[in-house]
Structure formats: C-alpha cells, structure tokens
Amino acid sequence: MTISTRAVESYVQDLMEAVDAERIRERGFRLAVEYSHSVPALVAPQVLGALGLEVIASRADVTDQIAGETRLDPGASIERARQLVGAVRADIAVVVDPSGERVTFVDESGRIVRQWQALL
C-alpha cells in the first residue's frame, strides 16, 4: 500500500493552519494510540509529530493483508488501550477501528469517552 508523500505533506500543512499547533505543543500531550493495523497508522504519526505529541503506538503495522482484516475484536482493542493508557500514563488513548473510519477515546482512568463528549 502506498500513499503519496505530497498528499500527506499537504494534509499536515493544511491541518497545522487550521489548529493552534503552538498551544498544543506547549501542553505536551502524551497519547496512546491503538491503530488496529489500520491505514491511518501510515499518516497519523506525521500529523501527531507535527503537533509535538508524545505518542505510544500499538499495532501500527500495516500491510495489504492486515489492512483488509476486519475480524479484530473491538472489545479487545479497547481493553488494550485501557491497559496502555494507564501503563504509560498517557493523557488519553485513541482506538482506531480496523477500517480507519471510527475512533474511540479512552481517558486516563481507562473509561470510554462517550461520542458526544469527544465532540465537545
């Protein structure tokens, strides 16, 4: 699987113009990410790095074979994130579903953040 380097660079640049990146960098967030072997693992590190986040990643390997995998147990991914967020003392964990289309947030106490709360 290949992703255009220019497309990623353009995406990162556009995002940096849309957010207060300096304020995010100053806060020094620590983020745990359970990528579930999803395609966002190819792009997210560049975005998160540009924001100055400290990221601890799990299952960030992506191959054509794994990217098509949809049988990962969402409950197991959330449980992995709960363990990871506590173990590394992250501010929050993000669980990316295998399709890369949905995320679930787990707070520093291991509780799932409801979708409406995450939107706030």
Protein backbone atom coordinates (compact mmCIF):
# COMPACT_ATOMS: atom_id res chain seq x y z
CA MET A 1 0.00 0.00 0.00
CA THR A 2 1.40 3.38 -0.96
CA ILE A 3 0.35 6.88 -0.03
CA SER A 4 1.61 9.92 -1.87
CA THR A 5 4.20 11.79 0.19
CA ARG A 6 2.94 15.07 -1.23
CA ALA A 7 -0.61 14.26 -0.21
CA VAL A 8 0.50 13.61 3.36
CA GLU A 9 2.63 16.75 3.47
CA SER A 10 -0.26 18.82 2.10
CA TYR A 11 -2.65 17.30 4.66
CA VAL A 12 -0.27 18.03 7.55
CA GLN A 13 0.30 21.60 6.33
CA ASP A 14 -3.45 22.24 5.99
CA LEU A 15 -4.09 20.84 9.44
CA MET A 16 -1.36 22.98 11.01
CA GLU A 17 -3.03 26.06 9.52
CA ALA A 18 -6.41 25.05 10.96
CA VAL A 19 -5.39 24.43 14.59
CA ASP A 20 -3.44 26.27 17.26
CA ALA A 21 -0.47 23.93 16.92
CA GLU A 22 1.76 26.01 19.20
CA ARG A 23 -0.70 25.76 22.07
CA ILE A 24 -0.97 22.01 21.55
CA ARG A 25 2.84 21.69 21.54
CA GLU A 26 3.11 23.76 24.73
CA ARG A 27 0.68 21.44 26.55
CA GLY A 28 2.90 18.43 25.85
CA PHE A 29 0.22 15.78 25.49
CA ARG A 30 1.09 12.10 25.82
CA LEU A 31 -1.15 9.99 23.61
CA ALA A 32 -1.59 6.22 23.38
CA VAL A 33 -2.88 5.04 20.01
CA GLU A 34 -4.24 1.57 19.27
CA TYR A 35 -4.13 1.59 15.46
CA SER A 36 -5.67 -1.89 15.00
CA HIS A 37 -3.44 -2.37 11.92
CA SER A 38 -5.44 0.38 10.15
CA VAL A 39 -4.32 2.63 7.31
CA PRO A 40 -4.28 5.80 9.48
CA ALA A 41 -1.10 4.37 11.00
CA LEU A 42 0.62 5.43 7.78
CA VAL A 43 -0.36 9.12 8.08
CA ALA A 44 -1.18 9.85 11.72
CA PRO A 45 2.43 9.73 13.00
CA GLN A 46 3.35 12.67 10.77
CA VAL A 47 0.31 14.66 11.88
CA LEU A 48 0.80 13.87 15.56
CA GLY A 49 4.53 14.55 15.31
CA ALA A 50 3.89 17.95 13.74
CA LEU A 51 1.69 18.74 16.74
CA GLY A 52 4.51 17.79 19.09
CA LEU A 53 2.60 14.98 20.76
CA GLU A 54 4.40 12.16 22.51
CA VAL A 55 2.81 9.05 21.02
CA ILE A 56 2.94 5.47 22.19
CA ALA A 57 1.55 3.30 19.40
CA SER A 58 0.17 -0.22 19.39
CA ARG A 59 -0.49 -2.43 16.35
CA ALA A 60 0.74 0.27 13.98
CA ASP A 61 1.99 -2.15 11.34
CA VAL A 62 0.05 -2.02 8.09
CA THR A 63 0.33 -4.37 5.16
CA ASP A 64 -2.12 -5.09 2.38
CA GLN A 65 -3.04 -8.33 4.09
CA ILE A 66 -3.55 -6.76 7.53
CA ALA A 67 -5.29 -3.65 6.17
CA GLY A 68 -8.08 -5.85 4.81
CA GLU A 69 -8.50 -7.58 8.17
CA THR A 70 -11.87 -6.80 9.75
CA ARG A 71 -12.09 -9.57 12.32
CA LEU A 72 -10.26 -7.73 15.09
CA ASP A 73 -12.31 -7.73 18.26
CA PRO A 74 -13.21 -4.11 19.12
CA GLY A 75 -13.54 -5.03 22.78
CA ALA A 76 -10.00 -6.41 22.82
CA SER A 77 -8.68 -3.23 21.17
CA ILE A 78 -10.39 -1.07 23.78
CA GLU A 79 -9.06 -3.26 26.58
CA ARG A 80 -5.55 -2.96 25.11
CA ALA A 81 -5.97 0.83 25.07
CA ARG A 82 -7.18 0.82 28.69
CA GLN A 83 -4.07 -1.05 29.75
CA LEU A 84 -1.78 1.09 27.63
CA VAL A 85 -3.14 4.46 28.77
CA GLY A 86 -2.51 3.51 32.40
CA ALA A 87 0.84 1.83 31.83
CA VAL A 88 2.38 4.77 30.00
CA ARG A 89 0.48 7.44 31.96
CA ALA A 90 -0.99 8.89 28.78
CA ASP A 91 -3.45 11.77 28.83
CA ILE A 92 -5.80 9.80 26.59
CA ALA A 93 -5.87 6.75 24.33
CA VAL A 94 -7.33 6.62 20.87
CA VAL A 95 -8.60 3.34 19.44
CA VAL A 96 -8.82 3.40 15.64
CA ASP A 97 -11.12 0.74 14.20
CA PRO A 98 -9.65 -1.56 11.53
CA SER A 99 -11.37 0.36 8.73
CA GLY A 100 -9.84 3.61 9.96
CA GLU A 101 -13.27 5.24 9.85
CA ARG A 102 -14.10 5.40 13.56
CA VAL A 103 -12.26 6.16 16.76
CA THR A 104 -13.00 5.51 20.40
CA PHE A 105 -11.36 7.56 23.14
CA VAL A 106 -10.30 6.13 26.49
CA ASP A 107 -9.48 8.63 29.23
CA GLU A 108 -6.52 8.49 31.60
CA SER A 109 -8.61 6.46 34.07
CA GLY A 110 -9.44 3.79 31.50
CA ARG A 111 -13.03 4.94 30.94
CA ILE A 112 -14.52 5.15 27.46
CA VAL A 113 -15.30 8.74 26.49
CA ARG A 114 -18.80 8.93 25.06
CA GLN A 115 -19.01 10.12 21.48
CA TRP A 116 -20.92 13.30 22.34
CA GLN A 117 -18.30 14.17 24.96
CA ALA A 118 -15.48 13.62 22.49
CA LEU A 119 -17.15 16.02 20.06
CA LEU A 120 -17.13 18.73 22.72
